[in-house]
Amino acid sequence: MNLASGASLGYATPALPSLQQPNSRLHITESQGSWVAGLVMLGALVGGVLAGPCISLGRRRALWLVAPPLTLAWVLIALAPNVWFLYIAHFILGMCLGIISDASQIYISETASAQWRGALGCIPVLMFNVGILTCYTAGAWLDWQDLAFFGGGLTLPALLFPIVVPESPSYLVAQGHIEEAIAALHWLRGATYDITSEYHVRRAVFHNSNIILSHLSHGITYDFSVMCMHACVWTPVFVNAQIKFI
């Protein structure tokens, strides 16, 4: 997913020169090219706002919902009859980018085991940059239309990825889907892995976050020095705050 969203950000730089060629099927001016490039970031701003409601439906579901419009945007670019199609498509790409960047990071942080969470947490940013580099590299040989088809091809795994992987166990626990959470942990860790301790930790984190947020909602304050001494107080806030605030 991040590979495809990275390509959407990297598309404009190699594509604009061929779009501004006199013999191009779709010719745009320099001013129009600036709008094409800028609308991606404007869409990302809107996508960042929409990320919260989408993620609250499920981390995997959010990624799945974004995949079809991401693919559609690439098709609109490749078949664009005028510059307005490029505007709309790049705005859609930006919105998808904003949602994917948040949803993928939360999904990995909630599904990775404790010993691998730090290393795996770098993957979304890494793949995002690889997507930009891939689009730059392909753009050295492809014109804007062929590069759009290439970008669309990068989204195909994004359409299949959510079908294969399970929902976040932490999200399932928060929603009360205990059996599904256990099944997801078995899928992620392997059938022979003992998930008992990890499952109880996730239940405890969710329970503690409910207690803290309930107290805060009733105006109960905590002594900061005492809270700093108890890691169990801070863990649910940092790990599962998104469950309650999204």
Protein backbone atom coordinates (compact mmCIF):
# COMPACT_ATOMS: atom_id res chain seq x y z
CA MET A 1 0.00 0.00 0.00
CA ASN A 2 2.74 2.45 0.91
CA LEU A 3 4.64 1.53 -2.25
CA ALA A 4 1.62 2.57 -4.34
CA SER A 5 1.01 5.75 -2.32
CA GLY A 6 4.68 6.69 -2.62
CA ALA A 7 4.44 6.33 -6.40
CA SER A 8 1.48 8.71 -6.39
CA LEU A 9 3.62 11.40 -4.78
CA GLY A 10 6.57 10.74 -7.09
CA TYR A 11 4.54 10.67 -10.32
CA ALA A 12 4.40 14.38 -11.10
CA THR A 13 8.15 15.03 -11.27
CA PRO A 14 8.96 12.61 -14.14
CA ALA A 15 5.56 12.97 -15.84
CA LEU A 16 5.28 16.76 -16.16
CA PRO A 17 8.08 17.16 -18.73
CA SER A 18 6.36 14.74 -21.14
CA LEU A 19 2.97 16.36 -20.47
CA GLN A 20 4.44 19.71 -21.51
CA GLN A 21 5.85 18.40 -24.77
CA PRO A 22 4.16 19.93 -27.86
CA ASN A 23 3.51 16.48 -29.37
CA SER A 24 1.95 15.07 -26.19
CA ARG A 25 -1.60 13.69 -26.51
CA LEU A 26 -2.53 15.85 -23.53
CA HIS A 27 -0.57 19.08 -23.42
CA ILE A 28 -0.60 21.23 -20.27
CA THR A 29 0.99 24.53 -19.41
CA GLU A 30 3.54 25.15 -16.68
CA SER A 31 0.87 26.73 -14.49
CA GLN A 32 -1.42 23.73 -14.92
CA GLY A 33 1.48 21.43 -14.11
CA SER A 34 1.98 23.26 -10.82
CA TRP A 35 -1.64 22.61 -9.92
CA VAL A 36 -1.31 18.94 -10.85
CA ALA A 37 1.66 18.54 -8.52
CA GLY A 38 0.17 20.64 -5.72
CA LEU A 39 -3.23 18.98 -5.62
CA VAL A 40 -1.65 15.76 -4.35
CA MET A 41 -0.58 17.46 -1.13
CA LEU A 42 -3.92 19.25 -0.82
CA GLY A 43 -5.65 15.90 -1.12
CA ALA A 44 -3.29 14.43 1.46
CA LEU A 45 -4.41 17.15 3.88
CA VAL A 46 -8.04 16.11 3.40
CA GLY A 47 -7.04 12.44 3.62
CA GLY A 48 -5.39 13.06 6.96
CA VAL A 49 -8.71 14.38 8.29
CA LEU A 50 -10.64 11.41 6.83
CA ALA A 51 -8.13 8.90 8.20
CA GLY A 52 -9.64 8.94 11.69
CA PRO A 53 -13.19 7.93 10.70
CA CYS A 54 -11.86 5.36 8.23
CA ILE A 55 -9.50 3.75 10.75
CA SER A 56 -12.31 3.59 13.32
CA LEU A 57 -14.04 1.16 10.95
CA GLY A 58 -11.03 -1.16 11.17
CA ARG A 59 -7.38 -0.83 10.25
CA ARG A 60 -7.52 -3.48 7.53
CA ARG A 61 -10.89 -2.23 6.31
CA ALA A 62 -9.53 1.30 5.96
CA LEU A 63 -6.73 0.04 3.73
CA TRP A 64 -9.21 -1.99 1.70
CA LEU A 65 -11.56 0.97 1.21
CA VAL A 66 -8.71 3.11 -0.12
CA ALA A 67 -7.44 0.60 -2.70
CA PRO A 68 -10.26 0.99 -5.33
CA PRO A 69 -10.15 4.83 -5.50
CA LEU A 70 -6.35 4.64 -5.62
CA THR A 71 -6.59 2.38 -8.67
CA LEU A 72 -9.32 4.53 -10.20
CA ALA A 73 -7.15 7.64 -9.89
CA TRP A 74 -4.35 6.03 -11.89
CA VAL A 75 -6.84 4.99 -14.60
CA LEU A 76 -8.19 8.55 -14.77
CA ILE A 77 -4.67 9.87 -15.28
CA ALA A 78 -3.82 7.35 -17.99
CA LEU A 79 -7.04 7.99 -19.93
CA ALA A 80 -7.40 11.71 -19.16
CA PRO A 81 -8.90 13.67 -22.10
CA ASN A 82 -8.19 17.04 -20.46
CA VAL A 83 -6.34 18.59 -17.55
CA TRP A 84 -9.38 18.51 -15.23
CA PHE A 85 -9.14 14.74 -15.10
CA LEU A 86 -5.56 15.14 -13.93
CA TYR A 87 -6.67 17.58 -11.25
CA ILE A 88 -9.36 15.24 -9.91
CA ALA A 89 -7.13 12.17 -10.09
CA HIS A 90 -4.24 13.79 -8.24
CA PHE A 91 -6.56 15.06 -5.53
CA ILE A 92 -7.86 11.49 -5.09
CA LEU A 93 -4.30 10.17 -4.99
CA GLY A 94 -3.51 12.67 -2.24
CA MET A 95 -6.54 11.66 -0.15
CA CYS A 96 -5.58 8.00 -0.46
CA LEU A 97 -2.01 8.87 0.53
CA GLY A 98 -3.19 10.62 3.69
CA ILE A 99 -5.36 7.69 4.77
CA ILE A 100 -2.84 4.98 3.90
CA SER A 101 0.02 6.64 5.77
CA ASP A 102 -1.97 6.63 9.02
CA ALA A 103 -3.80 3.32 8.65
CA SER A 104 -0.72 1.30 7.67
CA GLN A 105 1.36 2.68 10.53
CA ILE A 106 -1.32 1.85 13.10
CA TYR A 107 -1.90 -1.59 11.59
CA ILE A 108 1.75 -2.55 11.83
CA SER A 109 2.14 -1.18 15.36
CA GLU A 110 -0.87 -3.21 16.52
CA THR A 111 -0.03 -6.46 14.74
CA ALA A 112 3.76 -6.66 15.22
CA SER A 113 5.13 -8.51 18.22
CA ALA A 114 6.85 -6.46 20.93
CA GLN A 115 10.39 -7.48 19.94
CA TRP A 116 9.84 -6.62 16.25
CA ARG A 117 7.55 -3.61 16.56
CA GLY A 118 10.33 -1.03 16.35
CA ALA A 119 11.94 -2.54 13.26
CA LEU A 120 8.67 -3.25 11.45
CA GLY A 121 7.40 0.23 12.26
CA CYS A 122 9.96 1.60 9.80
CA ILE A 123 8.52 -0.39 6.89
CA PRO A 124 5.69 2.01 5.92
CA VAL A 125 8.08 4.96 5.54
CA LEU A 126 10.65 2.76 3.80
CA MET A 127 8.15 1.44 1.26
CA PHE A 128 6.77 4.94 0.72
CA ASN A 129 10.22 6.18 -0.27
CA VAL A 130 10.82 3.09 -2.40
CA GLY A 131 7.59 3.93 -4.23
CA ILE A 132 8.82 7.45 -4.97
CA LEU A 133 12.18 6.13 -6.17
CA THR A 134 10.48 3.45 -8.31
CA CYS A 135 8.32 6.06 -10.02
CA TYR A 136 11.32 8.32 -10.62
CA THR A 137 13.25 5.40 -12.14
CA ALA A 138 10.41 4.23 -14.37
CA GLY A 139 9.79 7.81 -15.46
CA ALA A 140 13.23 7.91 -17.08
CA TRP A 141 11.90 5.56 -19.79
CA LEU A 142 8.11 5.97 -19.74
CA ASP A 143 5.99 8.91 -20.82
CA TRP A 144 3.21 10.26 -18.59
CA GLN A 145 0.54 7.84 -19.85
CA ASP A 146 2.62 4.69 -19.63
CA LEU A 147 3.90 5.81 -16.22
CA ALA A 148 0.29 6.12 -15.04
CA PHE A 149 -0.41 2.55 -16.15
CA PHE A 150 2.75 1.51 -14.31
CA GLY A 151 1.50 3.26 -11.16
CA GLY A 152 -1.83 1.52 -11.52
CA GLY A 153 0.00 -1.80 -11.63
CA LEU A 154 1.61 -1.02 -8.30
CA THR A 155 -1.83 -0.80 -6.71
CA LEU A 156 -2.82 -4.38 -7.64
CA PRO A 157 -1.18 -5.85 -4.51
CA ALA A 158 -3.06 -3.22 -2.49
CA LEU A 159 -6.34 -4.70 -3.77
CA LEU A 160 -5.35 -8.22 -2.69
CA PHE A 161 -3.40 -7.47 0.50
CA PRO A 162 -6.41 -6.80 2.79
CA ILE A 163 -8.05 -10.04 1.67
CA VAL A 164 -5.12 -12.13 2.88
CA VAL A 165 -4.14 -10.50 6.17
CA PRO A 166 -6.36 -10.43 9.30
CA GLU A 167 -7.73 -7.42 11.13
CA SER A 168 -5.66 -5.89 13.93
CA PRO A 169 -6.02 -8.03 17.11
CA SER A 170 -6.00 -4.90 19.27
CA TYR A 171 -8.87 -3.42 17.27
CA LEU A 172 -10.83 -6.68 17.52
CA VAL A 173 -10.32 -6.78 21.29
CA ALA A 174 -11.51 -3.19 21.56
CA GLN A 175 -14.64 -4.10 19.62
CA GLY A 176 -15.30 -7.16 21.78
CA HIS A 177 -14.61 -9.69 19.02
CA ILE A 178 -12.55 -11.98 21.22
CA GLU A 179 -12.61 -15.13 19.09
CA GLU A 180 -11.64 -13.18 15.98
CA ALA A 181 -8.80 -11.52 17.90
CA ILE A 182 -7.46 -14.92 18.99
CA ALA A 183 -7.72 -16.25 15.43
CA ALA A 184 -5.89 -13.17 14.12
CA LEU A 185 -3.07 -13.65 16.63
CA HIS A 186 -2.74 -17.32 15.62
CA TRP A 187 -2.56 -16.27 11.94
CA LEU A 188 0.07 -13.63 12.66
CA ARG A 189 2.23 -15.64 15.06
CA GLY A 190 1.75 -19.15 13.70
CA ALA A 191 -0.36 -22.08 14.84
CA THR A 192 2.31 -23.38 17.26
CA TYR A 193 2.98 -20.04 18.97
CA ASP A 194 1.59 -19.57 22.48
CA ILE A 195 -0.46 -16.37 22.27
CA THR A 196 -1.84 -16.54 25.80
CA SER A 197 0.43 -13.94 27.37
CA GLU A 198 0.18 -11.55 24.42
CA TYR A 199 -3.60 -11.82 24.38
CA HIS A 200 -3.84 -11.03 28.09
CA VAL A 201 -1.54 -8.04 27.65
CA ARG A 202 -3.81 -6.64 24.94
CA ARG A 203 -6.87 -7.17 27.14
CA ALA A 204 -5.14 -5.47 30.07
CA VAL A 205 -4.03 -2.53 27.92
CA PHE A 206 -7.55 -2.01 26.67
CA HIS A 207 -8.97 -2.32 30.21
CA ASN A 208 -6.45 0.18 31.63
CA SER A 209 -7.11 2.67 28.84
CA ASN A 210 -10.82 2.51 29.62
CA ILE A 211 -10.15 3.24 33.30
CA ILE A 212 -7.89 6.22 32.60
CA LEU A 213 -10.16 7.75 29.98
CA SER A 214 -13.20 7.21 32.20
CA HIS A 215 -11.48 9.05 35.05
CA LEU A 216 -10.39 11.87 32.78
CA SER A 217 -13.92 12.27 31.44
CA HIS A 218 -15.16 12.72 35.02
CA GLY A 219 -12.56 15.37 35.80
CA ILE A 220 -10.34 13.15 37.97
CA THR A 221 -6.69 14.24 37.84
CA TYR A 222 -3.52 12.23 38.42
CA ASP A 223 -0.36 13.21 40.19
CA PHE A 224 2.26 13.41 37.43
CA SER A 225 5.12 12.11 39.57
CA VAL A 226 3.10 9.02 40.48
CA MET A 227 2.10 8.37 36.88
CA CYS A 228 5.71 8.54 35.73
CA MET A 229 6.58 5.71 38.13
CA HIS A 230 4.01 3.32 36.66
CA ALA A 231 4.60 2.25 33.07
CA CYS A 232 1.26 0.44 33.07
CA VAL A 233 -0.46 3.83 33.19
CA TRP A 234 1.30 5.23 30.14
CA THR A 235 1.31 2.07 28.02
CA PRO A 236 -2.40 2.08 27.15
CA VAL A 237 -2.33 5.79 26.45
CA PHE A 238 0.43 5.55 23.83
CA VAL A 239 -0.46 2.13 22.42
CA ASN A 240 -4.25 2.29 22.28
CA ALA A 241 -5.18 5.96 22.39
CA GLN A 242 -6.30 5.73 18.79
CA ILE A 243 -8.95 3.19 19.74
CA LYS A 244 -10.74 5.74 21.88
CA PHE A 245 -10.08 9.01 20.07
CA ILE A 246 -10.55 7.92 16.46
